Amino acid sequence: MRISIVTISFNQRAYLQAAMESVLNQEYPGLEYIVVDPGSTDGSRELIEQYADRISRVIFEKDAGPPDGLNKGFAHASGDVLGFLNSDDLLEPGSLQAVGDFFAQHPECDIACGDGYVLNGEGRRIRHIRARGLTVQRYLHAGSRWMQQSTFFRRRGFQLVHGFNSQNRTSWDGELLIGMIAAGATVGYIHRDLACFRIHSASITGGSSNGAAYERDCQRIFSQITGREWSRNDDLLQICYRAEGALLRLAPWIRAGQVQL
């Protein structure tokens, strides 16, 4: 099974080599790897060129932001299964073989969500994410747990939507996936650590100035999918999901007797 991975990179030279090697060292025979850089000036392009003989396609073109860069990359992807890894994130060894095996064994699934770790800027693992509950309702009410870096989808699922929304500046990955699910894509889970998601001061998630933009994107996605505005009932549902999530995070300590309810 052919798997296409797209990496978008812009002035992330400090992390880029580790990200690319985490993909290229998978030793997966059906890998197609595409790297997109719209104009880095920190030595990233020169680094990418050093790996050019191992990369299926390098795209050095200006773009209108990360989702537009991803659209450029996926326009050249020919895989049966697709995924994307940012230039500061990592795939775990053997991940692509696990993904290929999963889709071969589960022809009914369009999207596969794996587990993984959140890293800090120095590469230390600070949190584990176990994927669960990726449904339209749970996503819209902050009740799902998933990692973009550990999530892969069939070409047929991607074709249910019109690519990444280039106007979304904070959550284009979530908008893409929830659009697929709303259009009928089915979700399965690979309970194995597939990737690592790095949060640091220069990342979009780690930055301090994206809160308001993220809220606007969430409100727009909610209205587009549900056809209505957020209500008091949605507030209550979100509180319930968050409480559920807190209990699940405490569950290992509860079982170990370290926390008593």
Protein backbone atom coordinates (compact mmCIF):
# COMPACT_ATOMS: atom_id res chain seq x y z
CA MET A 1 0.00 0.00 0.00
CA ARG A 2 1.44 3.35 -1.05
CA ILE A 3 1.54 6.04 1.65
CA SER A 4 2.14 9.71 0.80
CA ILE A 5 3.49 12.00 3.54
CA VAL A 6 3.68 15.76 3.07
CA THR A 7 5.92 17.97 5.21
CA ILE A 8 5.56 21.74 5.11
CA SER A 9 8.55 23.72 6.32
CA PHE A 10 9.19 27.41 6.89
CA ASN A 11 12.24 28.57 8.85
CA GLN A 12 12.27 25.51 11.13
CA ARG A 13 15.86 24.49 10.43
CA ALA A 14 16.44 23.58 14.09
CA TYR A 15 13.92 20.73 13.93
CA LEU A 16 13.63 19.97 10.22
CA GLN A 17 16.38 17.37 9.89
CA ALA A 18 14.95 15.22 12.69
CA ALA A 19 11.47 15.47 11.17
CA MET A 20 12.62 14.43 7.70
CA GLU A 21 14.77 11.59 8.99
CA SER A 22 11.88 10.28 11.08
CA VAL A 23 9.98 9.83 7.80
CA LEU A 24 12.83 8.69 5.56
CA ASN A 25 14.14 6.16 8.08
CA GLN A 26 10.80 4.35 8.29
CA GLU A 27 12.07 1.81 5.72
CA TYR A 28 8.51 1.53 4.43
CA PRO A 29 8.67 0.28 0.82
CA GLY A 30 5.61 2.19 -0.36
CA LEU A 31 6.60 5.64 0.91
CA GLU A 32 6.12 8.76 -1.20
CA TYR A 33 7.59 11.76 0.61
CA ILE A 34 6.86 15.34 -0.45
CA VAL A 35 8.47 18.39 1.17
CA VAL A 36 7.14 21.92 0.65
CA ASP A 37 9.05 25.11 1.53
CA PRO A 38 7.67 28.52 0.50
CA GLY A 39 10.87 30.47 1.04
CA SER A 40 12.85 29.72 4.20
CA THR A 41 15.91 31.87 4.79
CA ASP A 42 17.44 29.98 7.73
CA GLY A 43 19.22 27.23 5.80
CA SER A 44 16.19 24.94 5.59
CA ARG A 45 16.21 24.87 1.80
CA GLU A 46 19.85 23.92 1.67
CA LEU A 47 19.16 21.11 4.15
CA ILE A 48 16.22 19.86 2.09
CA GLU A 49 18.41 19.79 -0.99
CA GLN A 50 20.87 17.53 0.84
CA TYR A 51 18.07 14.95 1.10
CA ALA A 52 16.68 15.55 -2.40
CA ASP A 53 17.72 12.12 -3.68
CA ARG A 54 15.60 10.48 -0.97
CA ILE A 55 12.59 12.79 -1.28
CA SER A 56 9.99 11.99 -3.92
CA ARG A 57 9.23 15.64 -4.68
CA VAL A 58 10.52 18.96 -3.38
CA ILE A 59 8.31 22.01 -3.90
CA PHE A 60 9.96 25.40 -3.53
CA GLU A 61 7.05 27.78 -4.21
CA LYS A 62 5.55 30.73 -2.43
CA ASP A 63 2.23 29.98 -0.77
CA ALA A 64 -0.50 31.74 1.19
CA GLY A 65 0.23 29.95 4.45
CA PRO A 66 0.44 26.40 5.83
CA PRO A 67 -2.91 25.08 4.53
CA ASP A 68 -2.13 26.41 1.06
CA GLY A 69 1.30 24.75 1.24
CA LEU A 70 -0.36 21.47 2.19
CA ASN A 71 -2.73 21.77 -0.75
CA LYS A 72 0.27 22.23 -3.03
CA GLY A 73 1.89 19.12 -1.59
CA PHE A 74 -1.20 16.93 -1.72
CA ALA A 75 -1.83 17.97 -5.32
CA HIS A 76 1.23 15.84 -6.16
CA ALA A 77 0.49 12.95 -3.79
CA SER A 78 -0.36 9.63 -5.43
CA GLY A 79 -0.67 7.39 -2.35
CA ASP A 80 -3.61 5.22 -1.37
CA VAL A 81 -3.16 6.61 2.15
CA LEU A 82 -2.19 10.18 3.00
CA GLY A 83 -0.71 11.96 5.99
CA PHE A 84 1.25 15.07 6.87
CA LEU A 85 3.99 15.90 9.34
CA ASN A 86 5.05 19.40 10.27
CA SER A 87 8.75 20.22 10.18
CA ASP A 88 9.03 20.29 13.99
CA ASP A 89 7.25 16.96 14.64
CA LEU A 90 8.36 13.32 14.42
CA LEU A 91 7.13 9.91 13.33
CA GLU A 92 7.92 7.02 15.63
CA PRO A 93 9.90 4.08 14.14
CA GLY A 94 7.70 1.55 12.37
CA SER A 95 4.70 3.88 12.23
CA LEU A 96 4.09 3.67 8.50
CA GLN A 97 4.19 -0.13 8.51
CA ALA A 98 1.58 -0.12 11.28
CA VAL A 99 -0.55 2.33 9.29
CA GLY A 100 -0.27 0.31 6.08
CA ASP A 101 -1.15 -2.90 7.91
CA PHE A 102 -4.15 -1.27 9.60
CA PHE A 103 -5.68 0.02 6.37
CA ALA A 104 -5.06 -3.32 4.65
CA GLN A 105 -6.86 -5.12 7.47
CA HIS A 106 -9.68 -2.57 7.80
CA PRO A 107 -10.97 -1.70 4.32
CA GLU A 108 -14.05 -0.09 5.88
CA CYS A 109 -12.00 2.65 7.59
CA ASP A 110 -11.25 5.96 5.88
CA ILE A 111 -9.38 7.60 8.78
CA ALA A 112 -6.99 5.99 11.26
CA CYS A 113 -6.06 7.77 14.50
CA GLY A 114 -3.00 6.62 16.43
CA ASP A 115 -1.57 7.52 19.81
CA GLY A 116 1.54 9.56 20.52
CA TYR A 117 3.43 11.99 22.69
CA VAL A 118 3.58 15.75 23.11
CA LEU A 119 7.16 17.06 23.28
CA ASN A 120 8.55 20.33 24.58
CA GLY A 121 11.03 22.41 22.63
CA GLU A 122 13.95 20.35 23.93
CA GLY A 123 12.37 17.09 22.80
CA ARG A 124 11.29 15.82 26.23
CA ARG A 125 8.02 13.88 26.36
CA ILE A 126 5.59 15.82 28.53
CA ARG A 127 2.22 14.18 27.80
CA HIS A 128 0.78 11.05 26.23
CA ILE A 129 -2.23 11.23 23.91
CA ARG A 130 -4.47 8.18 23.46
CA ALA A 131 -6.80 8.76 20.53
CA ARG A 132 -10.53 8.38 21.15
CA GLY A 133 -13.93 9.82 20.32
CA LEU A 134 -13.28 11.52 16.98
CA THR A 135 -16.87 12.17 15.99
CA VAL A 136 -18.52 15.35 14.72
CA GLN A 137 -20.28 16.09 18.01
CA ARG A 138 -17.30 15.35 20.21
CA TYR A 139 -14.92 17.37 18.04
CA LEU A 140 -17.22 20.40 18.01
CA HIS A 141 -17.54 20.26 21.82
CA ALA A 142 -13.88 19.57 22.66
CA GLY A 143 -14.70 15.98 23.59
CA SER A 144 -12.31 14.11 21.30
CA ARG A 145 -8.64 13.22 21.76
CA TRP A 146 -6.45 12.86 18.68
CA MET A 147 -3.12 13.93 17.25
CA GLN A 148 -2.81 15.20 13.69
CA GLN A 149 0.70 13.76 13.44
CA SER A 150 -0.65 10.26 14.27
CA THR A 151 -3.68 10.53 11.97
CA PHE A 152 -3.80 9.16 8.41
CA PHE A 153 -6.57 8.90 5.84
CA ARG A 154 -7.40 7.20 2.60
CA ARG A 155 -7.40 9.12 -0.63
CA ARG A 156 -11.14 8.45 -0.98
CA GLY A 157 -11.73 10.22 2.35
CA PHE A 158 -9.66 13.22 1.29
CA GLN A 159 -11.66 13.42 -1.91
CA LEU A 160 -14.87 13.93 0.12
CA VAL A 161 -13.73 17.49 0.87
CA HIS A 162 -12.04 20.25 -1.10
CA GLY A 163 -8.63 20.08 0.49
CA PHE A 164 -7.46 22.33 3.30
CA ASN A 165 -9.20 25.63 3.93
CA SER A 166 -6.50 28.19 3.15
CA GLN A 167 -8.39 30.82 5.19
CA ASN A 168 -8.05 28.79 8.39
CA ARG A 169 -4.95 29.96 10.29
CA THR A 170 -5.16 27.79 13.41
CA SER A 171 -6.97 24.47 12.92
CA TRP A 172 -6.89 23.53 9.24
CA ASP A 173 -6.11 19.92 10.19
CA GLY A 174 -9.20 19.61 12.37
CA GLU A 175 -11.40 21.31 9.81
CA LEU A 176 -10.20 18.88 7.15
CA LEU A 177 -10.83 15.77 9.26
CA ILE A 178 -14.17 16.82 10.68
CA GLY A 179 -15.27 17.77 7.16
CA MET A 180 -14.41 14.24 6.01
CA ILE A 181 -16.34 12.69 8.91
CA ALA A 182 -19.35 14.94 8.36
CA ALA A 183 -19.30 13.82 4.70
CA GLY A 184 -19.41 10.15 5.71
CA ALA A 185 -15.79 9.06 6.33
CA THR A 186 -15.42 6.31 8.94
CA VAL A 187 -12.84 6.42 11.75
CA GLY A 188 -10.72 3.63 13.25
CA TYR A 189 -8.02 3.62 15.93
CA ILE A 190 -4.46 2.27 16.02
CA HIS A 191 -3.58 2.08 19.71
CA ARG A 192 0.13 2.37 19.17
CA ASP A 193 2.38 5.41 19.50
CA LEU A 194 2.85 6.65 15.93
CA ALA A 195 4.19 10.19 16.27
CA CYS A 196 5.36 13.04 18.48
CA PHE A 197 3.91 16.55 18.44
CA ARG A 198 6.34 19.27 19.47
CA ILE A 199 5.06 22.41 21.20
CA HIS A 200 7.47 25.33 21.53
CA SER A 201 7.36 29.11 21.60
CA ALA A 202 7.58 29.46 17.80
CA SER A 203 4.92 26.87 16.99
CA ILE A 204 1.34 27.82 16.14
CA THR A 205 -0.06 25.81 19.05
CA GLY A 206 2.62 27.02 21.45
CA GLY A 207 2.38 30.67 20.47
CA SER A 208 0.57 33.10 22.74
CA SER A 209 -1.22 35.20 20.11
CA ASN A 210 -3.49 32.65 18.45
CA GLY A 211 -6.26 32.22 21.03
CA ALA A 212 -8.75 34.65 19.51
CA ALA A 213 -8.12 33.41 15.96
CA TYR A 214 -8.58 29.81 17.11
CA GLU A 215 -11.91 30.69 18.73
CA ARG A 216 -13.09 32.37 15.53
CA ASP A 217 -12.12 29.34 13.45
CA CYS A 218 -13.93 27.03 15.89
CA GLN A 219 -17.09 29.14 15.80
CA ARG A 220 -17.07 29.23 12.00
CA ILE A 221 -16.56 25.45 11.70
CA PHE A 222 -19.34 24.82 14.23
CA SER A 223 -21.80 27.04 12.34
CA GLN A 224 -20.88 25.58 8.95
CA ILE A 225 -21.40 22.00 10.09
CA THR A 226 -24.45 22.43 12.35
CA GLY A 227 -26.14 25.31 10.51
CA ARG A 228 -26.72 27.17 13.78
CA GLU A 229 -24.99 29.24 16.44
CA TRP A 230 -23.55 27.96 19.70
CA SER A 231 -26.16 27.65 22.48
CA ARG A 232 -26.38 27.13 26.24
CA ASN A 233 -26.91 23.41 25.65
CA ASP A 234 -23.59 23.33 23.82
CA ASP A 235 -21.92 24.93 26.85
CA LEU A 236 -23.29 22.15 29.06
CA LEU A 237 -22.28 19.42 26.64
CA GLN A 238 -18.75 20.81 26.44
CA ILE A 239 -18.50 20.88 30.25
CA CYS A 240 -19.57 17.22 30.39
CA TYR A 241 -17.01 16.16 27.81
CA ARG A 242 -14.25 18.06 29.57
CA ALA A 243 -15.18 16.46 32.90
CA GLU A 244 -15.12 13.06 31.23
CA GLY A 245 -11.68 13.79 29.82
CA ALA A 246 -10.37 14.85 33.22
CA LEU A 247 -11.59 11.61 34.79
CA LEU A 248 -9.99 9.53 32.04
CA ARG A 249 -6.66 11.29 32.58
CA LEU A 250 -6.92 10.51 36.30
CA ALA A 251 -7.93 6.88 35.73
CA PRO A 252 -4.38 5.39 35.87
CA TRP A 253 -3.72 7.07 39.22
CA ILE A 254 -7.15 6.04 40.53
CA ARG A 255 -6.46 2.41 39.59
CA ALA A 256 -3.07 2.63 41.26
CA GLY A 257 -4.66 3.97 44.45
CA GLN A 258 -2.79 7.26 44.25
CA VAL A 259 -6.00 9.29 43.86
CA GLN A 260 -9.20 8.55 45.78
CA LEU A 261 -12.60 9.86 44.75
